[in-house]
Amino acid sequence: MRGRWTLAILGIVLVVAGGLLAYVTQTAGGIRIEDVRFKGAKGNTMSALLYIPANATPQLPAPGILAVHGYINSRETQDGFAIEFARRGYVVLALDQTGHGYSDPPSFANGFGGPDGLAYLRSLDFVDKDNIGLEGHSMGGWTVLAAAAAMPNDYKSMVLEGSSTGKPFAAEGTTTWPRNAALVFAQYEEFSALMWGVDLARDVTQSQKLWGLFGANAAIEPGKVYGDPAAGTARVLYTPAMTHPAEHISHEAIGYGLDWFARTLKGGTPRPVDDQIWFRKEIGTLIALIGFVMLVIGTFDGLLEAPMFSRLRLPAVADGTMPPHAAAAGRRWTAAFILSAFIPALTYYPAFALGGTFVTPSAFLPQGITNQILVWAIINGLITLALMRFAPKRASRGGLIGQSIVIAVASIVVGYAALWLADLAFKIDFRFWIVALKLMSAKQFLIFLIYLIPFTVFFVVALHVLHRNFSTMDAPRGALYLTNILALTLGFIVLLVLQYGTLWLTGKLFNPIPDSGFVPLSTIVAIQFVPLLAIVAVIATFTWRRTGSSLPGALIAGLFVTWYVVAGTATQAAF
């Protein structure tokens, strides 16, 4: 049979090309990037990426900036800020909060890791300890505020992106604390009530809590500097027209941070605010992510030629060993498509509310967001099982379990090795915006084993029914891929269009569960479901067309999605 390694080779090419583009971007001008681990005050291990510009030396220390991501993100999420700060001569410590990335759990502990991060940054002999800035997005803002509270004389200014002082997690802001604070708060923020006690983000200028920070008794004027930078009492508010997760992938939002630190820190390298190259890295890591998917399915395709996987290969219909497939048709097809696409979206918020309320993090199930996704998967798996009898019957191919497990594990291991090598060579993960595939720490691998079986069982059930309803060998290839992608993602696409359309028109998300605080965060998490489930559909369709079985694709999907979720979220319980 003809060789089928072409797709895998193309995947490798894309990983290397994307990795090179990302690396060249983030090291422009002689910037060095180091993956650092250090001990916190309580003996906990903290993780960060350290960006060192060429101008930073022990003989001529450079200003430093502690940059921190938001909840259920990681140190690379702030790479746009980190790259541009470093290009302007700042040493940047891009921190993994506690319980995130490679920093020890639990999350929320030890001031989210902020005091430990600031102490480490100040310990570096090439950092000017009199010119240190703090920057944080969302919960990263509370992280840097915790650092400012613990070490009030050890920083000079800060930028809060989509964050706030005061309850629930930070000290109350006053006219003198924190020092020289800039606030970037988007007009379409999903967390306006949580952050500044206003129903609509566009009304943040009227927030009484914000007035206390600015020392004002009337609406805050965006762009106007209040207070005195020399005295450390300067305040400014920026209100760009974007959403909360857009703030860390925005030239405008990053530009506000660049401008503020140029005003309040000394020793940087002047560059125009609009001179930004960071987005090239996002494109590079996106290319690498696409290459990863191609490498995984290409590896599967190549391994399928090996004699040990001969029983997995698709038999020919004509020789009588493979019965022709029947799929849903007419109204039955329409009903199956509507149910497949929209039941997962309709159950999404209730499942997350149930998971958040009743499946709280514990030593056995230590990740809160993963628990919520797990509850969603269990509910939809049970619904799919109940509806399975209405799907067209199809003869099963027996004796494939062992070979399917081996080829699925091998395909994912090759993809994991590619990510490990990309991290080693280019200091990147595979990502775009909030979609990120990361290497797992040793603790995360153990957590991965906990969640792997239930997530895999879900995909075994869901993809089996998906193929029974829609997949036939006679279907045009493009139409089949599109059908399966939309069957898994269309409901979430519609949900997000409705949510963000409502946000754009009214200034707030609609809440299908009254008195629930889960909606803003759950809606942002739902954004990731679209690309993630689209990748699952591609993998499932590709492997089914090669084998006539849903099992190999379901096993690959279970491994991939469990890895993605566990490595990319927060661990709330000590493990």
Protein backbone atom coordinates (compact mmCIF):
# COMPACT_ATOMS: atom_id res chain seq x y z
CA MET A 1 0.00 0.00 0.00
CA ARG A 2 1.10 3.58 -0.58
CA GLY A 3 2.94 5.41 2.19
CA ARG A 4 0.88 7.77 4.28
CA TRP A 5 3.50 9.76 6.17
CA THR A 6 3.10 12.91 4.06
CA LEU A 7 0.64 14.51 6.47
CA ALA A 8 2.90 13.83 9.45
CA ILE A 9 5.87 15.34 7.65
CA LEU A 10 3.84 18.43 6.76
CA GLY A 11 2.81 18.68 10.42
CA ILE A 12 6.46 18.66 11.48
CA VAL A 13 7.23 21.37 8.94
CA LEU A 14 4.45 23.56 10.33
CA VAL A 15 5.55 23.00 13.93
CA VAL A 16 9.12 23.99 13.06
CA ALA A 17 8.09 26.95 10.88
CA GLY A 18 5.61 28.25 13.47
CA GLY A 19 8.09 27.70 16.28
CA LEU A 20 10.80 29.59 14.43
CA LEU A 21 8.50 32.53 13.74
CA ALA A 22 7.46 32.64 17.40
CA TYR A 23 11.04 32.34 18.63
CA VAL A 24 12.40 35.04 16.33
CA THR A 25 9.60 37.34 17.46
CA GLN A 26 10.01 36.88 21.21
CA THR A 27 13.82 37.13 21.09
CA ALA A 28 13.97 40.16 18.77
CA GLY A 29 16.73 42.59 19.66
CA GLY A 30 18.75 40.05 21.63
CA ILE A 31 16.15 39.18 24.28
CA ARG A 32 16.93 35.97 26.17
CA ILE A 33 14.14 33.83 27.57
CA GLU A 34 14.74 31.49 30.49
CA ASP A 35 12.33 28.96 31.97
CA VAL A 36 12.86 29.44 35.70
CA ARG A 37 11.76 27.63 38.84
CA PHE A 38 12.24 29.11 42.29
CA LYS A 39 11.10 28.48 45.82
CA GLY A 40 8.43 30.60 47.42
CA ALA A 41 8.43 31.78 51.02
CA LYS A 42 6.58 28.63 52.12
CA GLY A 43 8.80 26.22 50.20
CA ASN A 44 6.41 25.96 47.28
CA THR A 45 7.83 25.73 43.76
CA MET A 46 7.00 28.67 41.49
CA SER A 47 7.36 28.77 37.72
CA ALA A 48 7.94 31.66 35.32
CA LEU A 49 9.41 32.74 32.02
CA LEU A 50 12.13 35.34 32.43
CA TYR A 51 12.63 37.77 29.53
CA ILE A 52 16.06 39.40 29.72
CA PRO A 53 16.80 42.26 27.29
CA ALA A 54 20.36 42.75 26.04
CA ASN A 55 20.74 45.99 28.01
CA ALA A 56 20.20 44.29 31.40
CA THR A 57 23.52 43.54 33.15
CA PRO A 58 24.75 43.51 36.75
CA GLN A 59 26.84 46.56 35.88
CA LEU A 60 23.82 48.40 34.41
CA PRO A 61 20.63 46.95 35.92
CA ALA A 62 17.41 47.42 33.94
CA PRO A 63 13.91 48.15 35.22
CA GLY A 64 11.82 45.06 35.91
CA ILE A 65 8.17 44.13 35.45
CA LEU A 66 6.22 41.30 37.06
CA ALA A 67 3.55 40.23 34.52
CA VAL A 68 0.78 37.85 35.61
CA HIS A 69 -1.98 36.05 33.72
CA GLY A 70 -5.59 35.65 34.78
CA TYR A 71 -7.53 32.70 36.19
CA ILE A 72 -7.17 29.33 34.38
CA ASN A 73 -4.45 30.73 32.10
CA SER A 74 -0.67 30.47 32.31
CA ARG A 75 2.54 32.45 32.00
CA GLU A 76 2.44 32.49 28.16
CA THR A 77 -0.96 34.20 28.14
CA GLN A 78 0.71 37.54 28.84
CA ASP A 79 3.32 37.04 26.12
CA GLY A 80 2.18 40.10 24.16
CA PHE A 81 2.89 42.30 27.17
CA ALA A 82 6.11 40.45 28.02
CA ILE A 83 7.55 40.71 24.51
CA GLU A 84 6.81 44.41 24.17
CA PHE A 85 8.03 45.25 27.68
CA ALA A 86 11.29 43.37 27.02
CA ARG A 87 11.73 45.12 23.65
CA ARG A 88 11.68 48.37 25.62
CA GLY A 89 14.47 47.31 27.92
CA TYR A 90 12.49 45.90 30.86
CA VAL A 91 13.36 42.59 32.50
CA VAL A 92 10.05 40.71 32.58
CA LEU A 93 9.08 37.87 34.91
CA ALA A 94 5.97 36.24 33.41
CA LEU A 95 4.70 34.26 36.38
CA ASP A 96 2.57 31.14 36.68
CA GLN A 97 0.17 31.83 39.54
CA THR A 98 0.00 29.20 42.27
CA GLY A 99 -1.94 26.18 41.01
CA HIS A 100 -1.49 27.26 37.39
CA GLY A 101 0.99 26.08 34.79
CA TYR A 102 4.01 24.62 36.56
CA SER A 103 3.62 26.41 39.90
CA ASP A 104 2.64 24.22 42.82
CA PRO A 105 -1.04 24.02 43.78
CA PRO A 106 -3.33 25.01 45.27
CA SER A 107 -4.47 28.06 43.36
CA PHE A 108 -5.38 31.17 45.37
CA ALA A 109 -2.65 30.30 47.92
CA ASN A 110 0.15 32.60 49.07
CA GLY A 111 -1.27 35.74 47.50
CA PHE A 112 -1.66 33.82 44.22
CA GLY A 113 2.16 33.70 44.15
CA GLY A 114 2.50 37.46 43.68
CA PRO A 115 4.76 38.18 46.69
CA ASP A 116 7.01 35.26 45.75
CA GLY A 117 7.25 36.52 42.19
CA LEU A 118 8.14 40.06 43.20
CA ALA A 119 10.73 38.83 45.69
CA TYR A 120 12.37 36.70 43.00
CA LEU A 121 12.39 39.54 40.48
CA ARG A 122 14.05 41.82 43.04
CA SER A 123 16.69 39.16 43.78
CA LEU A 124 18.12 39.35 40.25
CA ASP A 125 21.32 41.39 40.09
CA PHE A 126 20.52 42.78 36.63
CA VAL A 127 17.21 44.32 37.79
CA ASP A 128 17.01 47.93 38.99
CA LYS A 129 15.22 47.54 42.30
CA ASP A 130 14.16 51.18 42.32
CA ASN A 131 12.22 50.80 39.05
CA ILE A 132 9.89 47.83 39.21
CA GLY A 133 6.44 47.69 37.68
CA LEU A 134 3.59 45.23 38.22
CA GLU A 135 1.12 44.18 35.51
CA GLY A 136 -1.71 41.70 35.82
CA HIS A 137 -4.80 40.66 33.91
CA SER A 138 -7.99 39.72 35.78
CA MET A 139 -6.94 37.52 38.72
CA GLY A 140 -3.38 38.41 37.76
CA GLY A 141 -4.28 41.92 38.90
CA TRP A 142 -5.11 40.55 42.33
CA THR A 143 -1.81 38.67 42.22
CA VAL A 144 0.23 41.83 41.71
CA LEU A 145 -1.92 43.67 44.26
CA ALA A 146 -1.06 40.94 46.76
CA ALA A 147 2.61 41.58 45.97
CA ALA A 148 2.09 45.32 46.43
CA ALA A 149 0.36 44.76 49.76
CA ALA A 150 3.10 42.42 51.04
CA MET A 151 5.96 44.61 49.77
CA PRO A 152 4.56 48.15 49.64
CA ASN A 153 7.94 49.85 49.12
CA ASP A 154 9.33 47.42 46.54
CA TYR A 155 7.62 48.54 43.34
CA LYS A 156 6.97 51.85 41.63
CA SER A 157 3.82 51.49 39.49
CA MET A 158 1.31 49.00 38.18
CA VAL A 159 -1.15 48.29 35.37
CA LEU A 160 -4.37 46.41 36.13
CA GLU A 161 -5.95 44.85 33.03
CA GLY A 162 -9.60 43.95 33.60
CA SER A 163 -9.02 43.75 37.34
CA SER A 164 -9.79 45.69 40.51
CA THR A 165 -8.73 46.62 43.97
CA GLY A 166 -10.86 45.64 46.95
CA LYS A 167 -13.10 42.64 47.51
CA PRO A 168 -13.20 39.76 46.89
CA PHE A 169 -9.44 39.15 46.71
CA ALA A 170 -7.48 42.39 47.10
CA ALA A 171 -7.03 45.19 49.59
CA GLU A 172 -9.19 48.25 49.10
CA GLY A 173 -7.69 50.89 46.85
CA THR A 174 -7.10 54.41 48.19
CA THR A 175 -5.61 57.61 46.83
CA THR A 176 -2.18 56.48 48.06
CA TRP A 177 -2.31 52.69 47.53
CA PRO A 178 -1.41 51.07 45.24
CA ARG A 179 1.30 53.26 43.80
CA ASN A 180 0.82 54.84 40.37
CA ALA A 181 -2.00 52.62 39.15
CA ALA A 182 -3.36 52.45 35.61
CA LEU A 183 -6.62 50.60 35.06
CA VAL A 184 -7.58 49.15 31.67
CA PHE A 185 -11.23 48.21 31.93
CA ALA A 186 -13.02 47.29 28.71
CA GLN A 187 -16.43 48.62 27.76
CA TYR A 188 -17.71 45.05 27.28
CA GLU A 189 -16.19 43.50 30.39
CA GLU A 190 -17.97 40.33 31.50
CA PHE A 191 -16.98 40.88 35.17
CA SER A 192 -18.05 44.48 35.81
CA ALA A 193 -20.18 43.65 38.85
CA LEU A 194 -17.47 41.48 40.42
CA MET A 195 -14.68 43.96 39.80
CA TRP A 196 -16.14 47.42 40.36
CA GLY A 197 -19.71 46.88 41.54
CA VAL A 198 -21.39 48.25 38.42
CA ASP A 199 -24.01 46.40 36.39
CA LEU A 200 -22.62 47.59 33.06
CA ALA A 201 -18.91 47.85 32.32
CA ARG A 202 -19.40 51.09 30.40
CA ASP A 203 -20.60 52.64 33.69
CA VAL A 204 -17.33 51.93 35.49
CA THR A 205 -16.61 55.68 35.50
CA GLN A 206 -19.53 55.97 37.98
CA SER A 207 -18.24 53.28 40.35
CA GLN A 208 -18.09 54.46 43.95
CA LYS A 209 -15.34 51.90 44.55
CA LEU A 210 -13.31 53.39 41.69
CA TRP A 211 -13.89 56.91 43.01
CA GLY A 212 -12.22 55.81 46.26
CA LEU A 213 -9.14 54.73 44.31
CA PHE A 214 -9.01 57.96 42.28
CA GLY A 215 -10.01 60.31 45.11
CA ALA A 216 -12.87 61.60 42.98
CA ASN A 217 -16.48 62.54 43.74
CA ALA A 218 -17.70 62.59 40.15
CA ALA A 219 -17.39 60.44 37.04
CA ILE A 220 -13.81 59.46 36.20
CA GLU A 221 -12.60 60.87 32.89
CA PRO A 222 -10.92 58.11 30.81
CA GLY A 223 -7.40 58.97 29.72
CA LYS A 224 -6.97 61.75 32.28
CA VAL A 225 -4.13 61.32 34.79
CA TYR A 226 -5.22 61.95 38.37
CA GLY A 227 -2.72 62.48 41.18
CA ASP A 228 1.05 62.87 40.97
CA PRO A 229 3.41 60.23 39.48
CA ALA A 230 6.35 61.63 41.48
CA ALA A 231 4.43 61.08 44.71
CA GLY A 232 3.23 57.63 43.65
CA THR A 233 -0.43 58.72 43.66
CA ALA A 234 -1.05 58.85 39.89
CA ARG A 235 -4.20 57.20 38.56
CA VAL A 236 -5.57 56.75 35.05
CA LEU A 237 -8.47 54.83 33.54
CA TYR A 238 -8.62 53.47 29.99
CA THR A 239 -11.84 52.02 28.56
CA PRO A 240 -11.17 50.28 25.23
CA ALA A 241 -14.12 48.84 23.29
CA MET A 242 -13.42 45.14 23.80
CA THR A 243 -14.17 42.20 26.09
CA HIS A 244 -12.34 40.80 29.11
CA PRO A 245 -10.40 38.01 27.33
CA ALA A 246 -9.53 40.38 24.47
CA GLU A 247 -7.51 42.61 26.81
CA HIS A 248 -4.45 40.37 26.69
CA ILE A 249 -4.42 40.04 22.90
CA SER A 250 -4.95 43.67 22.00
CA HIS A 251 -2.48 46.19 20.56
CA GLU A 252 -4.54 48.93 22.22
CA ALA A 253 -4.56 47.40 25.70
CA ILE A 254 -0.87 46.51 25.52
CA GLY A 255 -0.17 50.03 24.29
CA TYR A 256 -1.76 51.52 27.40
CA GLY A 257 0.58 49.42 29.54
CA LEU A 258 3.60 50.49 27.51
CA ASP A 259 2.66 54.14 27.82
CA TRP A 260 2.07 53.96 31.57
CA PHE A 261 5.37 52.30 32.40
CA ALA A 262 7.19 54.72 30.10
CA ARG A 263 5.71 57.52 32.24
CA THR A 264 6.30 55.96 35.65
CA LEU A 265 9.49 53.87 35.37
CA LYS A 266 12.98 55.05 34.50
CA GLY A 267 15.61 53.30 32.43
CA GLY A 268 13.59 51.76 29.60
CA THR A 269 14.38 51.98 25.89
CA PRO A 270 12.03 54.46 24.21
CA ARG A 271 9.88 53.03 21.39
CA PRO A 272 6.62 54.29 19.92
CA VAL A 273 3.58 52.65 21.52
CA ASP A 274 2.36 51.45 18.14
CA ASP A 275 5.67 49.67 17.42
CA GLN A 276 4.45 46.20 18.39
CA ILE A 277 5.48 42.85 16.91
CA TRP A 278 4.07 40.40 19.47
CA PHE A 279 1.20 39.22 17.27
CA ARG A 280 3.70 37.45 15.02
CA LYS A 281 4.30 35.06 17.90
CA GLU A 282 0.58 34.34 18.16
CA ILE A 283 0.56 33.51 14.45
CA GLY A 284 3.63 31.32 14.90
CA THR A 285 2.20 29.31 17.77
CA LEU A 286 -1.12 28.98 15.90
CA ILE A 287 0.74 27.54 12.91
CA ALA A 288 2.50 25.15 15.31
CA LEU A 289 -0.86 24.13 16.83
CA ILE A 290 -2.26 23.35 13.38
CA GLY A 291 0.93 21.40 12.68
CA PHE A 292 0.41 19.42 15.88
CA VAL A 293 -3.06 18.29 14.76
CA MET A 294 -1.70 17.31 11.35
CA LEU A 295 1.20 15.45 12.97
CA VAL A 296 -1.12 13.43 15.23
CA ILE A 297 -3.48 12.31 12.46
CA GLY A 298 -0.56 11.88 10.07
CA THR A 299 1.20 9.63 12.58
CA PHE A 300 -2.00 7.63 12.93
CA ASP A 301 -2.20 7.31 9.16
CA GLY A 302 1.42 6.21 8.85
CA LEU A 303 1.23 3.70 11.70
CA LEU A 304 -1.85 2.17 10.14
CA GLU A 305 0.45 0.70 7.46
CA ALA A 306 2.33 -1.36 10.06
CA PRO A 307 1.46 -5.08 10.16
CA MET A 308 0.50 -4.89 13.84
CA PHE A 309 -2.39 -2.57 12.95
CA SER A 310 -3.56 -4.50 9.90
CA ARG A 311 -6.94 -5.33 11.42
CA LEU A 312 -7.66 -1.65 11.91
CA ARG A 313 -7.33 -0.82 8.23
CA LEU A 314 -10.56 -0.19 6.40
CA PRO A 315 -11.72 -3.33 4.57
CA ALA A 316 -13.19 -2.96 1.12
CA VAL A 317 -16.97 -2.88 0.83
CA ALA A 318 -16.80 -4.71 -2.47
CA ASP A 319 -15.11 -7.85 -1.08
CA GLY A 320 -17.92 -8.45 1.39
CA THR A 321 -15.83 -7.99 4.55
CA MET A 322 -17.13 -4.49 5.17
CA PRO A 323 -20.89 -3.98 5.05
CA PRO A 324 -22.08 -0.69 3.49
CA HIS A 325 -22.86 2.07 5.96
CA ALA A 326 -26.27 3.62 6.41
CA ALA A 327 -26.68 7.04 7.99
CA ALA A 328 -29.65 9.15 9.00
CA ALA A 329 -31.54 10.71 6.11
CA GLY A 330 -34.27 13.28 5.55
CA ARG A 331 -36.09 14.42 8.67
CA ARG A 332 -34.23 11.89 10.73
CA TRP A 333 -30.93 13.47 9.65
CA THR A 334 -32.22 16.93 10.50
CA ALA A 335 -33.44 15.83 13.92
CA ALA A 336 -30.17 14.05 14.66
CA PHE A 337 -28.15 17.11 13.60
CA ILE A 338 -30.21 19.52 15.71
CA LEU A 339 -30.01 17.28 18.77
CA SER A 340 -26.26 16.66 18.32
CA ALA A 341 -25.49 20.35 17.88
CA PHE A 342 -27.75 21.98 20.44
CA ILE A 343 -28.24 19.61 23.41
CA PRO A 344 -24.58 20.08 24.52
CA ALA A 345 -25.01 23.86 24.40
CA LEU A 346 -28.40 23.82 26.16
CA THR A 347 -27.00 21.70 29.00
CA TYR A 348 -23.81 23.72 29.28
CA TYR A 349 -24.73 26.32 31.91
CA PRO A 350 -26.82 23.95 34.07
CA ALA A 351 -24.01 21.37 34.03
CA PHE A 352 -21.42 23.97 35.00
CA ALA A 353 -23.66 25.25 37.80
CA LEU A 354 -24.16 21.70 39.11
CA GLY A 355 -20.47 20.92 38.86
CA GLY A 356 -19.44 24.14 40.56
CA THR A 357 -21.90 23.56 43.39
CA PHE A 358 -21.68 19.83 44.03
CA VAL A 359 -18.35 18.62 42.62
CA THR A 360 -15.97 20.96 44.39
CA PRO A 361 -12.21 20.40 44.19
CA SER A 362 -10.84 17.61 46.36
CA ALA A 363 -7.73 15.45 46.50
CA PHE A 364 -9.44 12.98 44.16
CA LEU A 365 -10.90 15.56 41.76
CA PRO A 366 -8.57 18.54 42.28
CA GLN A 367 -9.51 20.87 39.41
CA GLY A 368 -12.71 22.91 39.67
CA ILE A 369 -13.17 23.83 35.99
CA THR A 370 -12.27 20.29 34.93
CA ASN A 371 -14.93 19.00 37.32
CA GLN A 372 -17.52 21.25 35.70
CA ILE A 373 -16.56 20.03 32.24
CA LEU A 374 -16.70 16.47 33.56
CA VAL A 375 -20.26 16.95 34.83
CA TRP A 376 -21.19 18.36 31.40
CA ALA A 377 -19.62 15.32 29.72
CA ILE A 378 -21.43 12.87 32.00
CA ILE A 379 -24.81 14.53 31.42
CA ASN A 380 -24.34 14.58 27.66
CA GLY A 381 -22.97 11.06 27.61
CA LEU A 382 -26.10 9.81 29.37
CA ILE A 383 -28.35 11.76 27.00
CA THR A 384 -26.48 10.33 24.02
CA LEU A 385 -26.85 6.80 25.38
CA ALA A 386 -30.59 7.35 25.76
CA LEU A 387 -30.85 8.58 22.16
CA MET A 388 -28.54 5.94 20.70
CA ARG A 389 -31.39 3.55 19.87
CA PHE A 390 -32.76 6.10 17.40
CA ALA A 391 -29.49 6.23 15.45
CA PRO A 392 -29.18 3.99 12.37
CA LYS A 393 -28.00 0.49 13.24
CA ARG A 394 -24.56 -0.45 12.03
CA ALA A 395 -22.57 -3.67 12.14
CA SER A 396 -19.68 -3.37 14.56
CA ARG A 397 -16.12 -4.45 13.91
CA GLY A 398 -14.91 -6.60 16.77
CA GLY A 399 -11.42 -7.24 18.06
CA LEU A 400 -10.13 -3.70 17.56
CA ILE A 401 -9.83 -2.50 21.14
CA GLY A 402 -6.21 -3.44 21.79
CA GLN A 403 -4.90 -2.12 18.47
CA SER A 404 -6.99 1.05 18.83
CA ILE A 405 -5.54 1.78 22.26
CA VAL A 406 -1.95 1.26 21.09
CA ILE A 407 -2.25 3.40 17.94
CA ALA A 408 -4.11 6.17 19.81
CA VAL A 409 -1.47 6.34 22.55
CA ALA A 410 1.35 6.24 19.99
CA SER A 411 -0.20 9.08 17.96
CA ILE A 412 -0.59 11.30 21.02
CA VAL A 413 2.90 10.45 22.29
CA VAL A 414 4.38 11.64 18.99
CA GLY A 415 2.40 14.89 19.30
CA TYR A 416 3.51 15.31 22.90
CA ALA A 417 7.13 14.76 21.86
CA ALA A 418 6.75 17.49 19.23
CA LEU A 419 5.50 19.92 21.89
CA TRP A 420 8.37 18.96 24.21
CA LEU A 421 10.90 19.59 21.47
CA ALA A 422 9.23 22.89 20.53
CA ASP A 423 9.42 23.99 24.16
CA LEU A 424 13.06 22.93 24.32
CA ALA A 425 14.08 24.62 21.07
CA PHE A 426 11.79 27.64 20.90
CA LYS A 427 10.41 28.18 24.44
CA ILE A 428 6.80 28.00 23.22
CA ASP A 429 3.64 26.01 23.68
CA PHE A 430 1.00 25.51 20.97
CA ARG A 431 -1.59 28.27 21.30
CA PHE A 432 -3.65 31.10 19.95
CA TRP A 433 -5.32 33.57 22.31
CA ILE A 434 -7.00 31.55 25.09
CA VAL A 435 -6.62 28.22 23.27
CA ALA A 436 -3.39 26.66 24.54
CA LEU A 437 -1.87 23.18 24.56
CA LYS A 438 0.84 22.88 27.20
CA LEU A 439 3.19 20.25 28.50
CA MET A 440 2.06 18.64 31.73
CA SER A 441 3.97 18.81 34.98
CA ALA A 442 4.47 15.58 36.92
CA LYS A 443 1.55 16.48 39.19
CA GLN A 444 -0.64 17.35 36.25
CA PHE A 445 0.14 13.98 34.65
CA LEU A 446 -1.22 12.24 37.75
CA ILE A 447 -4.32 14.44 37.58
CA PHE A 448 -4.58 13.59 33.86
CA LEU A 449 -4.82 9.90 34.79
CA ILE A 450 -7.72 10.67 37.15
CA TYR A 451 -9.86 12.35 34.51
CA LEU A 452 -8.78 10.31 31.48
CA ILE A 453 -11.20 7.39 31.75
CA PRO A 454 -14.45 9.36 32.20
CA PHE A 455 -13.59 11.83 29.43
CA THR A 456 -12.59 8.99 27.11
CA VAL A 457 -15.81 7.08 27.82
CA PHE A 458 -17.74 10.23 26.88
CA PHE A 459 -15.98 10.47 23.53
CA VAL A 460 -16.43 6.75 22.86
CA VAL A 461 -20.19 7.14 23.27
CA ALA A 462 -20.56 10.56 21.59
CA LEU A 463 -18.44 9.80 18.53
CA HIS A 464 -19.98 6.37 18.05
CA VAL A 465 -23.41 7.95 17.72
CA LEU A 466 -22.03 10.83 15.64
CA HIS A 467 -20.73 8.43 13.01
CA ARG A 468 -23.86 6.29 13.05
CA ASN A 469 -25.92 9.36 12.28
CA PHE A 470 -23.74 11.13 9.72
CA SER A 471 -20.72 9.17 8.46
CA THR A 472 -20.75 7.04 5.32
CA MET A 473 -17.99 6.13 2.92
CA ASP A 474 -20.11 7.43 0.05
CA ALA A 475 -20.37 10.96 1.50
CA PRO A 476 -18.14 13.60 -0.13
CA ARG A 477 -15.09 14.08 2.07
CA GLY A 478 -15.48 17.85 2.55
CA ALA A 479 -19.20 17.57 3.30
CA LEU A 480 -18.57 14.85 5.88
CA TYR A 481 -15.89 16.88 7.69
CA LEU A 482 -18.12 19.96 7.70
CA THR A 483 -21.14 18.02 8.94
CA ASN A 484 -19.26 16.46 11.83
CA ILE A 485 -17.54 19.73 12.78
CA LEU A 486 -20.85 21.60 12.86
CA ALA A 487 -22.61 18.76 14.67
CA LEU A 488 -20.13 19.19 17.52
CA THR A 489 -19.68 22.97 17.47
CA LEU A 490 -22.72 24.74 16.03
CA GLY A 491 -24.62 24.88 19.32
CA PHE A 492 -21.68 26.56 21.05
CA ILE A 493 -21.20 28.94 18.14
CA VAL A 494 -24.85 30.01 18.41
CA LEU A 495 -24.59 30.28 22.21
CA LEU A 496 -21.56 32.55 21.95
CA VAL A 497 -23.10 34.67 19.20
CA LEU A 498 -26.20 35.15 21.37
CA GLN A 499 -24.17 35.93 24.48
CA TYR A 500 -21.78 38.39 22.89
CA GLY A 501 -24.48 39.87 20.70
CA THR A 502 -26.46 40.54 23.87
CA LEU A 503 -23.35 41.95 25.54
CA TRP A 504 -22.75 44.28 22.60
CA LEU A 505 -26.40 45.44 22.49
CA THR A 506 -27.16 45.70 26.20
CA GLY A 507 -23.78 45.86 27.92
CA LYS A 508 -24.13 42.57 29.79
CA LEU A 509 -24.42 38.84 29.21
CA PHE A 510 -27.78 37.17 29.64
CA ASN A 511 -28.04 34.78 32.55
CA PRO A 512 -30.06 31.61 31.89
CA ILE A 513 -29.62 30.58 35.53
CA PRO A 514 -30.94 33.33 37.84
CA ASP A 515 -28.73 34.26 40.78
CA SER A 516 -25.86 32.20 39.37
CA GLY A 517 -22.37 33.64 39.35
CA PHE A 518 -21.09 31.05 36.87
CA VAL A 519 -22.15 32.74 33.64
CA PRO A 520 -19.28 35.19 32.87
CA LEU A 521 -16.48 32.70 33.50
CA SER A 522 -18.40 29.79 31.95
CA THR A 523 -19.06 31.86 28.83
CA ILE A 524 -15.37 32.59 28.39
CA VAL A 525 -14.57 28.89 28.90
CA ALA A 526 -17.19 28.06 26.24
CA ILE A 527 -15.13 29.96 23.66
CA GLN A 528 -12.54 27.18 23.85
CA PHE A 529 -15.17 24.49 23.22
CA VAL A 530 -15.52 25.62 19.59
CA PRO A 531 -11.92 25.07 18.40
CA LEU A 532 -11.43 22.11 20.72
CA LEU A 533 -14.50 20.24 19.49
CA ALA A 534 -13.67 21.19 15.90
CA ILE A 535 -10.28 19.50 16.34
CA VAL A 536 -12.02 16.46 17.82
CA ALA A 537 -14.34 16.33 14.80
CA VAL A 538 -11.40 16.47 12.39
CA ILE A 539 -9.57 13.69 14.25
CA ALA A 540 -12.73 11.58 14.53
CA THR A 541 -13.65 11.96 10.86
CA PHE A 542 -10.12 11.32 9.60
CA THR A 543 -9.63 8.16 11.67
CA TRP A 544 -13.13 6.86 10.85
CA ARG A 545 -12.53 7.25 7.12
CA ARG A 546 -9.32 5.21 7.50
CA THR A 547 -10.74 2.47 9.71
CA GLY A 548 -14.53 2.44 9.52
CA SER A 549 -14.51 2.46 13.33
CA SER A 550 -15.25 5.29 15.75
CA LEU A 551 -13.04 3.80 18.48
CA PRO A 552 -9.52 4.96 17.47
CA GLY A 553 -10.65 8.56 17.03
CA ALA A 554 -12.55 8.49 20.32
CA LEU A 555 -9.47 7.25 22.17
CA ILE A 556 -7.25 9.92 20.60
CA ALA A 557 -9.89 12.55 21.46
CA GLY A 558 -10.05 11.36 25.07
CA LEU A 559 -6.27 11.53 25.46
CA PHE A 560 -5.97 14.89 23.72
CA VAL A 561 -8.86 16.68 25.43
CA THR A 562 -7.99 15.40 28.90
CA TRP A 563 -4.39 16.54 28.41
CA TYR A 564 -5.51 19.92 27.06
CA VAL A 565 -7.93 20.60 29.91
CA VAL A 566 -5.80 19.36 32.79
CA ALA A 567 -2.64 21.18 31.68
CA GLY A 568 -4.46 24.41 30.86
CA THR A 569 -6.61 25.07 33.91
CA ALA A 570 -6.11 25.61 37.63
CA THR A 571 -5.58 23.04 40.36
CA GLN A 572 -7.48 24.20 43.40
CA ALA A 573 -6.74 21.32 45.77
CA ALA A 574 -3.29 20.38 47.02
CA PHE A 575 -2.07 17.32 45.16
